[in-house]
Amino acid sequence: MYAIVDIAGQQFKVKKDQKVFVHRLDAVEGANVEFNDVFLTEEEGKINVGAPVVAGAKVTAKVLSHLRGDKVLVFKKKRRKGYQKCNGHRQYLTQIQIEQISL
């Protein structure tokens, strides 16, 4: 059984007991969060597609930790002009574990 759900503006294909890194959520560590924007569910080969969401379906997850992702370097250069610029970015992330998919 799996579901496609909208979490913090991104779509994820999730299964029960799966751990997922998502954009930072406003929840404390150890708290349970619910996601009601479920676009598709699959159970025993039967696919249920919502228009745009599946009515009554929700995904429950537990917040495991808040962390930061790896550093991404953004390097800009214009040749023969002496222009070079380097910026770094680290995304704030939340690790969640999918507890239940309810139909």
PDB file of N, CA and C in Angstrom:
ATOM      1  N   MET A   1       0.849  -1.179   0.000  1.00  0.00           N
ATOM      2  CA  MET A   1       0.000   0.000   0.000  1.00  0.00           C
ATOM      3  C   MET A   1       0.889   1.234   0.000  1.00  0.00           C
ATOM      4  N   TYR A   2       0.582   2.183  -0.880  1.00  0.00           N
ATOM      5  CA  TYR A   2       1.311   3.435  -0.913  1.00  0.00           C
ATOM      6  C   TYR A   2       0.352   4.565  -1.234  1.00  0.00           C
ATOM      7  N   ALA A   3       0.845   5.789  -1.064  1.00  0.00           N
ATOM      8  CA  ALA A   3       0.044   6.974  -1.355  1.00  0.00           C
ATOM      9  C   ALA A   3       0.963   8.068  -1.885  1.00  0.00           C
ATOM     10  N   ILE A   4       0.404   8.934  -2.697  1.00  0.00           N
ATOM     11  CA  ILE A   4       1.114  10.126  -3.136  1.00  0.00           C
ATOM     12  C   ILE A   4       0.483  11.295  -2.399  1.00  0.00           C
ATOM     13  N   VAL A   5       1.304  12.001  -1.612  1.00  0.00           N
ATOM     14  CA  VAL A   5       0.796  13.014  -0.699  1.00  0.00           C
ATOM     15  C   VAL A   5       1.602  14.304  -0.858  1.00  0.00           C
ATOM     16  N   ASP A   6       0.935  15.436  -0.605  1.00  0.00           N
ATOM     17  CA  ASP A   6       1.578  16.751  -0.654  1.00  0.00           C
ATOM     18  C   ASP A   6       2.066  17.095   0.746  1.00  0.00           C
ATOM     19  N   ILE A   7       3.394  17.227   0.888  1.00  0.00           N
ATOM     20  CA  ILE A   7       3.998  17.577   2.173  1.00  0.00           C
ATOM     21  C   ILE A   7       4.853  18.815   1.955  1.00  0.00           C
ATOM     22  N   ALA A   8       4.487  19.916   2.581  1.00  0.00           N
ATOM     23  CA  ALA A   8       5.241  21.174   2.525  1.00  0.00           C
ATOM     24  C   ALA A   8       5.482  21.630   1.095  1.00  0.00           C
ATOM     25  N   GLY A   9       4.488  21.482   0.229  1.00  0.00           N
ATOM     26  CA  GLY A   9       4.591  21.970  -1.132  1.00  0.00           C
ATOM     27  C   GLY A   9       5.238  21.020  -2.117  1.00  0.00           C
ATOM     28  N   GLN A  10       5.653  19.834  -1.683  1.00  0.00           N
ATOM     29  CA  GLN A  10       6.240  18.842  -2.568  1.00  0.00           C
ATOM     30  C   GLN A  10       5.429  17.556  -2.501  1.00  0.00           C
ATOM     31  N   GLN A  11       5.449  16.797  -3.594  1.00  0.00           N
ATOM     32  CA  GLN A  11       4.713  15.543  -3.639  1.00  0.00           C
ATOM     33  C   GLN A  11       5.667  14.382  -3.379  1.00  0.00           C
ATOM     34  N   PHE A  12       5.257  13.457  -2.497  1.00  0.00           N
ATOM     35  CA  PHE A  12       6.060  12.304  -2.139  1.00  0.00           C
ATOM     36  C   PHE A  12       5.234  11.034  -2.282  1.00  0.00           C
ATOM     37  N   LYS A  13       5.873   9.968  -2.755  1.00  0.00           N
ATOM     38  CA  LYS A  13       5.270   8.642  -2.753  1.00  0.00           C
ATOM     39  C   LYS A  13       5.729   7.976  -1.463  1.00  0.00           C
ATOM     40  N   VAL A  14       4.781   7.664  -0.570  1.00  0.00           N
ATOM     41  CA  VAL A  14       5.126   7.170   0.760  1.00  0.00           C
ATOM     42  C   VAL A  14       4.471   5.819   1.018  1.00  0.00           C
ATOM     43  N   LYS A  15       5.138   5.026   1.836  1.00  0.00           N
ATOM     44  CA  LYS A  15       4.630   3.743   2.324  1.00  0.00           C
ATOM     45  C   LYS A  15       4.702   3.750   3.840  1.00  0.00           C
ATOM     46  N   LYS A  16       4.040   2.802   4.459  1.00  0.00           N
ATOM     47  CA  LYS A  16       4.057   2.699   5.916  1.00  0.00           C
ATOM     48  C   LYS A  16       5.472   2.388   6.399  1.00  0.00           C
ATOM     49  N   ASP A  17       5.877   3.014   7.498  1.00  0.00           N
ATOM     50  CA  ASP A  17       7.183   2.858   8.150  1.00  0.00           C
ATOM     51  C   ASP A  17       8.342   3.401   7.313  1.00  0.00           C
ATOM     52  N   GLN A  18       8.068   4.180   6.283  1.00  0.00           N
ATOM     53  CA  GLN A  18       9.127   4.788   5.471  1.00  0.00           C
ATOM     54  C   GLN A  18       9.584   6.089   6.129  1.00  0.00           C
ATOM     55  N   LYS A  19      10.898   6.361   6.061  1.00  0.00           N
ATOM     56  CA  LYS A  19      11.446   7.612   6.572  1.00  0.00           C
ATOM     57  C   LYS A  19      11.708   8.544   5.399  1.00  0.00           C
ATOM     58  N   VAL A  20      11.290   9.813   5.548  1.00  0.00           N
ATOM     59  CA  VAL A  20      11.365  10.777   4.457  1.00  0.00           C
ATOM     60  C   VAL A  20      11.946  12.087   5.001  1.00  0.00           C
ATOM     61  N   PHE A  21      12.825  12.724   4.208  1.00  0.00           N
ATOM     62  CA  PHE A  21      13.313  14.065   4.517  1.00  0.00           C
ATOM     63  C   PHE A  21      12.454  15.064   3.749  1.00  0.00           C
ATOM     64  N   VAL A  22      11.836  16.017   4.455  1.00  0.00           N
ATOM     65  CA  VAL A  22      10.985  17.028   3.839  1.00  0.00           C
ATOM     66  C   VAL A  22      11.462  18.408   4.285  1.00  0.00           C
ATOM     67  N   HIS A  23      10.939  19.453   3.629  1.00  0.00           N
ATOM     68  CA  HIS A  23      11.258  20.806   4.064  1.00  0.00           C
ATOM     69  C   HIS A  23      10.795  20.996   5.504  1.00  0.00           C
ATOM     70  N   ARG A  24      11.416  21.914   6.221  1.00  0.00           N
ATOM     71  CA  ARG A  24      11.175  22.104   7.650  1.00  0.00           C
ATOM     72  C   ARG A  24       9.694  22.294   7.947  1.00  0.00           C
ATOM     73  N   LEU A  25       9.190  21.503   8.909  1.00  0.00           N
ATOM     74  CA  LEU A  25       7.800  21.586   9.359  1.00  0.00           C
ATOM     75  C   LEU A  25       7.743  22.286  10.710  1.00  0.00           C
ATOM     76  N   ASP A  26       6.642  22.973  10.989  1.00  0.00           N
ATOM     77  CA  ASP A  26       6.455  23.638  12.280  1.00  0.00           C
ATOM     78  C   ASP A  26       5.841  22.659  13.267  1.00  0.00           C
ATOM     79  N   ALA A  27       6.649  21.718  13.726  1.00  0.00           N
ATOM     80  CA  ALA A  27       6.204  20.733  14.707  1.00  0.00           C
ATOM     81  C   ALA A  27       7.408  20.345  15.558  1.00  0.00           C
ATOM     82  N   VAL A  28       7.172  20.022  16.815  1.00  0.00           N
ATOM     83  CA  VAL A  28       8.263  19.631  17.699  1.00  0.00           C
ATOM     84  C   VAL A  28       8.640  18.175  17.445  1.00  0.00           C
ATOM     85  N   GLU A  29       9.851  17.819  17.804  1.00  0.00           N
ATOM     86  CA  GLU A  29      10.301  16.437  17.616  1.00  0.00           C
ATOM     87  C   GLU A  29       9.467  15.502  18.479  1.00  0.00           C
ATOM     88  N   GLY A  30       9.043  14.397  17.892  1.00  0.00           N
ATOM     89  CA  GLY A  30       8.225  13.424  18.593  1.00  0.00           C
ATOM     90  C   GLY A  30       6.723  13.628  18.391  1.00  0.00           C
ATOM     91  N   ALA A  31       6.330  14.733  17.793  1.00  0.00           N
ATOM     92  CA  ALA A  31       4.910  15.013  17.584  1.00  0.00           C
ATOM     93  C   ALA A  31       4.401  14.275  16.348  1.00  0.00           C
ATOM     94  N   ASN A  32       3.101  14.017  16.322  1.00  0.00           N
ATOM     95  CA  ASN A  32       2.463  13.418  15.159  1.00  0.00           C
ATOM     96  C   ASN A  32       1.842  14.519  14.304  1.00  0.00           C
ATOM     97  N   VAL A  33       1.993  14.394  12.994  1.00  0.00           N
ATOM     98  CA  VAL A  33       1.413  15.359  12.064  1.00  0.00           C
ATOM     99  C   VAL A  33       0.554  14.604  11.063  1.00  0.00           C
ATOM    100  N   GLU A  34      -0.501  15.271  10.568  1.00  0.00           N
ATOM    101  CA  GLU A  34      -1.408  14.674   9.580  1.00  0.00           C
ATOM    102  C   GLU A  34      -1.344  15.469   8.286  1.00  0.00           C
ATOM    103  N   PHE A  35      -1.386  14.760   7.175  1.00  0.00           N
ATOM    104  CA  PHE A  35      -1.400  15.377   5.856  1.00  0.00           C
ATOM    105  C   PHE A  35      -2.685  14.925   5.164  1.00  0.00           C
ATOM    106  N   ASN A  36      -3.536  15.904   4.819  1.00  0.00           N
ATOM    107  CA  ASN A  36      -4.839  15.598   4.231  1.00  0.00           C
ATOM    108  C   ASN A  36      -4.855  15.707   2.717  1.00  0.00           C
ATOM    109  N   ASP A  37      -3.801  16.253   2.112  1.00  0.00           N
ATOM    110  CA  ASP A  37      -3.742  16.401   0.662  1.00  0.00           C
ATOM    111  C   ASP A  37      -3.168  15.132   0.033  1.00  0.00           C
ATOM    112  N   VAL A  38      -3.999  14.090  -0.055  1.00  0.00           N
ATOM    113  CA  VAL A  38      -3.594  12.814  -0.640  1.00  0.00           C
ATOM    114  C   VAL A  38      -4.136  12.764  -2.063  1.00  0.00           C
ATOM    115  N   PHE A  39      -3.235  12.673  -3.040  1.00  0.00           N
ATOM    116  CA  PHE A  39      -3.635  12.722  -4.443  1.00  0.00           C
ATOM    117  C   PHE A  39      -3.953  11.345  -5.018  1.00  0.00           C
ATOM    118  N   LEU A  40      -3.331  10.298  -4.492  1.00  0.00           N
ATOM    119  CA  LEU A  40      -3.511   8.958  -5.043  1.00  0.00           C
ATOM    120  C   LEU A  40      -3.244   7.938  -3.942  1.00  0.00           C
ATOM    121  N   THR A  41      -4.037   6.870  -3.939  1.00  0.00           N
ATOM    122  CA  THR A  41      -3.790   5.755  -3.025  1.00  0.00           C
ATOM    123  C   THR A  41      -3.813   4.449  -3.806  1.00  0.00           C
ATOM    124  N   GLU A  42      -3.054   3.472  -3.330  1.00  0.00           N
ATOM    125  CA  GLU A  42      -3.018   2.146  -3.946  1.00  0.00           C
ATOM    126  C   GLU A  42      -3.073   1.120  -2.823  1.00  0.00           C
ATOM    127  N   GLU A  43      -3.993   0.178  -2.963  1.00  0.00           N
ATOM    128  CA  GLU A  43      -4.113  -0.891  -1.981  1.00  0.00           C
ATOM    129  C   GLU A  43      -4.477  -2.181  -2.713  1.00  0.00           C
ATOM    130  N   GLU A  44      -3.584  -3.161  -2.632  1.00  0.00           N
ATOM    131  CA  GLU A  44      -3.781  -4.481  -3.245  1.00  0.00           C
ATOM    132  C   GLU A  44      -4.084  -4.387  -4.738  1.00  0.00           C
ATOM    133  N   GLY A  45      -3.375  -3.530  -5.444  1.00  0.00           N
ATOM    134  CA  GLY A  45      -3.554  -3.394  -6.878  1.00  0.00           C
ATOM    135  C   GLY A  45      -4.668  -2.469  -7.303  1.00  0.00           C
ATOM    136  N   LYS A  46      -5.462  -1.970  -6.367  1.00  0.00           N
ATOM    137  CA  LYS A  46      -6.566  -1.060  -6.692  1.00  0.00           C
ATOM    138  C   LYS A  46      -6.099   0.375  -6.475  1.00  0.00           C
ATOM    139  N   ILE A  47      -6.137   1.171  -7.549  1.00  0.00           N
ATOM    140  CA  ILE A  47      -5.662   2.546  -7.500  1.00  0.00           C
ATOM    141  C   ILE A  47      -6.857   3.484  -7.426  1.00  0.00           C
ATOM    142  N   ASN A  48      -6.781   4.431  -6.493  1.00  0.00           N
ATOM    143  CA  ASN A  48      -7.831   5.431  -6.306  1.00  0.00           C
ATOM    144  C   ASN A  48      -7.207   6.803  -6.527  1.00  0.00           C
ATOM    145  N   VAL A  49      -7.616   7.482  -7.605  1.00  0.00           N
ATOM    146  CA  VAL A  49      -7.073   8.799  -7.945  1.00  0.00           C
ATOM    147  C   VAL A  49      -8.090   9.857  -7.552  1.00  0.00           C
ATOM    148  N   GLY A  50      -7.609  10.903  -6.874  1.00  0.00           N
ATOM    149  CA  GLY A  50      -8.485  11.983  -6.453  1.00  0.00           C
ATOM    150  C   GLY A  50      -8.637  13.044  -7.523  1.00  0.00           C
ATOM    151  N   ALA A  51      -9.632  13.915  -7.322  1.00  0.00           N
ATOM    152  CA  ALA A  51      -9.861  15.005  -8.265  1.00  0.00           C
ATOM    153  C   ALA A  51     -10.126  16.289  -7.484  1.00  0.00           C
ATOM    154  N   PRO A  52      -9.183  17.014  -6.972  1.00  0.00           N
ATOM    155  CA  PRO A  52      -7.743  16.760  -7.000  1.00  0.00           C
ATOM    156  C   PRO A  52      -7.240  15.895  -5.851  1.00  0.00           C
ATOM    157  N   VAL A  53      -8.019  15.766  -4.755  1.00  0.00           N
ATOM    158  CA  VAL A  53      -7.562  14.936  -3.640  1.00  0.00           C
ATOM    159  C   VAL A  53      -8.562  13.812  -3.389  1.00  0.00           C
ATOM    160  N   VAL A  54      -8.081  12.737  -2.764  1.00  0.00           N
ATOM    161  CA  VAL A  54      -8.945  11.612  -2.405  1.00  0.00           C
ATOM    162  C   VAL A  54      -9.722  12.000  -1.148  1.00  0.00           C
ATOM    163  N   ALA A  55     -11.034  11.918  -1.222  1.00  0.00           N
ATOM    164  CA  ALA A  55     -11.887  12.323  -0.103  1.00  0.00           C
ATOM    165  C   ALA A  55     -11.719  11.351   1.068  1.00  0.00           C
ATOM    166  N   GLY A  56     -11.483  11.909   2.250  1.00  0.00           N
ATOM    167  CA  GLY A  56     -11.385  11.109   3.461  1.00  0.00           C
ATOM    168  C   GLY A  56     -10.046  10.449   3.693  1.00  0.00           C
ATOM    169  N   ALA A  57      -9.118  10.569   2.791  1.00  0.00           N
ATOM    170  CA  ALA A  57      -7.811   9.938   2.955  1.00  0.00           C
ATOM    171  C   ALA A  57      -6.866  10.883   3.674  1.00  0.00           C
ATOM    172  N   LYS A  58      -6.017  10.318   4.533  1.00  0.00           N
ATOM    173  CA  LYS A  58      -5.013  11.115   5.222  1.00  0.00           C
ATOM    174  C   LYS A  58      -3.817  10.245   5.559  1.00  0.00           C
ATOM    175  N   VAL A  59      -2.689  10.893   5.729  1.00  0.00           N
ATOM    176  CA  VAL A  59      -1.446  10.221   6.071  1.00  0.00           C
ATOM    177  C   VAL A  59      -0.974  10.786   7.399  1.00  0.00           C
ATOM    178  N   THR A  60      -0.666   9.904   8.342  1.00  0.00           N
ATOM    179  CA  THR A  60      -0.176  10.304   9.653  1.00  0.00           C
ATOM    180  C   THR A  60       1.301   9.974   9.750  1.00  0.00           C
ATOM    181  N   ALA A  61       2.092  10.929  10.251  1.00  0.00           N
ATOM    182  CA  ALA A  61       3.533  10.739  10.350  1.00  0.00           C
ATOM    183  C   ALA A  61       4.028  11.251  11.696  1.00  0.00           C
ATOM    184  N   LYS A  62       5.195  10.770  12.100  1.00  0.00           N
ATOM    185  CA  LYS A  62       5.830  11.186  13.345  1.00  0.00           C
ATOM    186  C   LYS A  62       7.105  11.938  13.009  1.00  0.00           C
ATOM    187  N   VAL A  63       7.311  13.082  13.648  1.00  0.00           N
ATOM    188  CA  VAL A  63       8.510  13.885  13.419  1.00  0.00           C
ATOM    189  C   VAL A  63       9.660  13.263  14.212  1.00  0.00           C
ATOM    190  N   LEU A  64      10.716  12.852  13.499  1.00  0.00           N
ATOM    191  CA  LEU A  64      11.861  12.232  14.153  1.00  0.00           C
ATOM    192  C   LEU A  64      12.909  13.260  14.556  1.00  0.00           C
ATOM    193  N   SER A  65      13.281  14.166  13.647  1.00  0.00           N
ATOM    194  CA  SER A  65      14.311  15.151  13.969  1.00  0.00           C
ATOM    195  C   SER A  65      14.278  16.317  12.994  1.00  0.00           C
ATOM    196  N   HIS A  66      14.876  17.418  13.433  1.00  0.00           N
ATOM    197  CA  HIS A  66      15.102  18.582  12.582  1.00  0.00           C
ATOM    198  C   HIS A  66      16.600  18.664  12.324  1.00  0.00           C
ATOM    199  N   LEU A  67      16.990  18.922  11.083  1.00  0.00           N
ATOM    200  CA  LEU A  67      18.396  18.960  10.729  1.00  0.00           C
ATOM    201  C   LEU A  67      18.603  19.854   9.527  1.00  0.00           C
ATOM    202  N   ARG A  68      19.861  19.941   9.087  1.00  0.00           N
ATOM    203  CA  ARG A  68      20.195  20.714   7.901  1.00  0.00           C
ATOM    204  C   ARG A  68      20.833  19.789   6.882  1.00  0.00           C
ATOM    205  N   GLY A  69      20.545  20.056   5.609  1.00  0.00           N
ATOM    206  CA  GLY A  69      21.073  19.237   4.533  1.00  0.00           C
ATOM    207  C   GLY A  69      22.526  19.559   4.235  1.00  0.00           C
ATOM    208  N   ASP A  70      23.076  18.871   3.235  1.00  0.00           N
ATOM    209  CA  ASP A  70      24.446  19.101   2.817  1.00  0.00           C
ATOM    210  C   ASP A  70      24.572  20.474   2.175  1.00  0.00           C
ATOM    211  N   LYS A  71      25.789  21.028   2.239  1.00  0.00           N
ATOM    212  CA  LYS A  71      26.031  22.334   1.636  1.00  0.00           C
ATOM    213  C   LYS A  71      26.071  22.211   0.115  1.00  0.00           C
ATOM    214  N   VAL A  72      25.375  23.124  -0.555  1.00  0.00           N
ATOM    215  CA  VAL A  72      25.377  23.213  -2.008  1.00  0.00           C
ATOM    216  C   VAL A  72      26.087  24.512  -2.367  1.00  0.00           C
ATOM    217  N   LEU A  73      27.134  24.429  -3.183  1.00  0.00           N
ATOM    218  CA  LEU A  73      27.863  25.612  -3.603  1.00  0.00           C
ATOM    219  C   LEU A  73      27.329  26.118  -4.932  1.00  0.00           C
ATOM    220  N   VAL A  74      27.080  27.432  -4.996  1.00  0.00           N
ATOM    221  CA  VAL A  74      26.625  28.080  -6.217  1.00  0.00           C
ATOM    222  C   VAL A  74      27.763  28.983  -6.674  1.00  0.00           C
ATOM    223  N   PHE A  75      28.406  28.633  -7.793  1.00  0.00           N
ATOM    224  CA  PHE A  75      29.562  29.378  -8.290  1.00  0.00           C
ATOM    225  C   PHE A  75      29.188  30.065  -9.593  1.00  0.00           C
ATOM    226  N   LYS A  76      29.387  31.390  -9.631  1.00  0.00           N
ATOM    227  CA  LYS A  76      29.093  32.172 -10.825  1.00  0.00           C
ATOM    228  C   LYS A  76      30.391  32.768 -11.345  1.00  0.00           C
ATOM    229  N   LYS A  77      30.533  32.789 -12.675  1.00  0.00           N
ATOM    230  CA  LYS A  77      31.746  33.319 -13.277  1.00  0.00           C
ATOM    231  C   LYS A  77      31.427  33.859 -14.663  1.00  0.00           C
ATOM    232  N   LYS A  78      32.051  34.969 -14.985  1.00  0.00           N
ATOM    233  CA  LYS A  78      31.992  35.497 -16.345  1.00  0.00           C
ATOM    234  C   LYS A  78      33.420  35.513 -16.871  1.00  0.00           C
ATOM    235  N   ARG A  79      33.641  34.794 -17.938  1.00  0.00           N
ATOM    236  CA  ARG A  79      35.007  34.659 -18.424  1.00  0.00           C
ATOM    237  C   ARG A  79      35.542  35.977 -18.988  1.00  0.00           C
ATOM    238  N   ARG A  80      36.816  36.167 -18.807  1.00  0.00           N
ATOM    239  CA  ARG A  80      37.568  37.340 -19.272  1.00  0.00           C
ATOM    240  C   ARG A  80      37.112  38.649 -18.636  1.00  0.00           C
ATOM    241  N   LYS A  81      36.293  38.623 -17.629  1.00  0.00           N
ATOM    242  CA  LYS A  81      35.823  39.855 -16.983  1.00  0.00           C
ATOM    243  C   LYS A  81      36.318  39.990 -15.543  1.00  0.00           C
ATOM    244  N   GLY A  82      36.902  38.938 -15.012  1.00  0.00           N
ATOM    245  CA  GLY A  82      37.390  38.975 -13.633  1.00  0.00           C
ATOM    246  C   GLY A  82      36.288  38.850 -12.598  1.00  0.00           C
ATOM    247  N   TYR A  83      35.118  38.361 -13.021  1.00  0.00           N
ATOM    248  CA  TYR A  83      33.978  38.248 -12.110  1.00  0.00           C
ATOM    249  C   TYR A  83      33.837  36.810 -11.638  1.00  0.00           C
ATOM    250  N   GLN A  84      33.927  36.623 -10.342  1.00  0.00           N
ATOM    251  CA  GLN A  84      33.690  35.313  -9.736  1.00  0.00           C
ATOM    252  C   GLN A  84      32.934  35.537  -8.433  1.00  0.00           C
ATOM    253  N   LYS A  85      31.967  34.674  -8.178  1.00  0.00           N
ATOM    254  CA  LYS A  85      31.185  34.774  -6.952  1.00  0.00           C
ATOM    255  C   LYS A  85      30.812  33.372  -6.503  1.00  0.00           C
ATOM    256  N   CYS A  86      30.966  33.086  -5.233  1.00  0.00           N
ATOM    257  CA  CYS A  86      30.651  31.768  -4.697  1.00  0.00           C
ATOM    258  C   CYS A  86      29.722  31.930  -3.497  1.00  0.00           C
ATOM    259  N   ASN A  87      28.576  31.293  -3.545  1.00  0.00           N
ATOM    260  CA  ASN A  87      27.620  31.302  -2.439  1.00  0.00           C
ATOM    261  C   ASN A  87      27.350  29.866  -2.009  1.00  0.00           C
ATOM    262  N   GLY A  88      27.051  29.693  -0.739  1.00  0.00           N
ATOM    263  CA  GLY A  88      26.693  28.382  -0.221  1.00  0.00           C
ATOM    264  C   GLY A  88      25.280  28.395   0.325  1.00  0.00           C
ATOM    265  N   HIS A  89      24.651  27.212   0.360  1.00  0.00           N
ATOM    266  CA  HIS A  89      23.286  27.095   0.874  1.00  0.00           C
ATOM    267  C   HIS A  89      23.130  25.748   1.564  1.00  0.00           C
ATOM    268  N   ARG A  90      22.504  25.761   2.737  1.00  0.00           N
ATOM    269  CA  ARG A  90      22.145  24.528   3.437  1.00  0.00           C
ATOM    270  C   ARG A  90      20.663  24.589   3.748  1.00  0.00           C
ATOM    271  N   GLN A  91      19.910  23.613   3.236  1.00  0.00           N
ATOM    272  CA  GLN A  91      18.454  23.583   3.403  1.00  0.00           C
ATOM    273  C   GLN A  91      18.094  23.056   4.787  1.00  0.00           C
ATOM    274  N   TYR A  92      17.105  23.685   5.424  1.00  0.00           N
ATOM    275  CA  TYR A  92      16.567  23.187   6.687  1.00  0.00           C
ATOM    276  C   TYR A  92      15.591  22.055   6.384  1.00  0.00           C
ATOM    277  N   LEU A  93      15.784  20.903   7.022  1.00  0.00           N
ATOM    278  CA  LEU A  93      14.986  19.714   6.737  1.00  0.00           C
ATOM    279  C   LEU A  93      14.373  19.152   8.011  1.00  0.00           C
ATOM    280  N   THR A  94      13.339  18.343   7.824  1.00  0.00           N
ATOM    281  CA  THR A  94      12.722  17.578   8.900  1.00  0.00           C
ATOM    282  C   THR A  94      12.637  16.132   8.453  1.00  0.00           C
ATOM    283  N   GLN A  95      13.051  15.216   9.328  1.00  0.00           N
ATOM    284  CA  GLN A  95      12.933  13.793   9.023  1.00  0.00           C
ATOM    285  C   GLN A  95      11.661  13.275   9.688  1.00  0.00           C
ATOM    286  N   ILE A  96      10.787  12.656   8.864  1.00  0.00           N
ATOM    287  CA  ILE A  96       9.537  12.101   9.390  1.00  0.00           C
ATOM    288  C   ILE A  96       9.469  10.613   9.061  1.00  0.00           C
ATOM    289  N   GLN A  97       8.681   9.896   9.851  1.00  0.00           N
ATOM    290  CA  GLN A  97       8.417   8.482   9.601  1.00  0.00           C
ATOM    291  C   GLN A  97       6.921   8.309   9.429  1.00  0.00           C
ATOM    292  N   ILE A  98       6.526   7.676   8.330  1.00  0.00           N
ATOM    293  CA  ILE A  98       5.108   7.478   8.030  1.00  0.00           C
ATOM    294  C   ILE A  98       4.561   6.395   8.963  1.00  0.00           C
ATOM    295  N   GLU A  99       3.552   6.770   9.732  1.00  0.00           N
ATOM    296  CA  GLU A  99       2.958   5.847  10.705  1.00  0.00           C
ATOM    297  C   GLU A  99       1.763   5.095  10.123  1.00  0.00           C
ATOM    298  N   GLN A 100       0.897   5.819   9.383  1.00  0.00           N
ATOM    299  CA  GLN A 100      -0.353   5.196   8.932  1.00  0.00           C
ATOM    300  C   GLN A 100      -0.878   5.909   7.687  1.00  0.00           C
ATOM    301  N   ILE A 101      -1.471   5.130   6.781  1.00  0.00           N
ATOM    302  CA  ILE A 101      -2.170   5.679   5.625  1.00  0.00           C
ATOM    303  C   ILE A 101      -3.635   5.258   5.761  1.00  0.00           C
ATOM    304  N   SER A 102      -4.504   6.239   5.987  1.00  0.00           N
ATOM    305  CA  SER A 102      -5.930   5.958   6.197  1.00  0.00           C
ATOM    306  C   SER A 102      -6.710   6.309   4.939  1.00  0.00           C
ATOM    307  N   LEU A 103      -7.652   5.431   4.573  1.00  0.00           N
ATOM    308  CA  LEU A 103      -8.481   5.666   3.391  1.00  0.00           C
ATOM    309  C   LEU A 103      -9.860   6.149   3.803  1.00  0.00           C
TER     310      LEU A 103
END
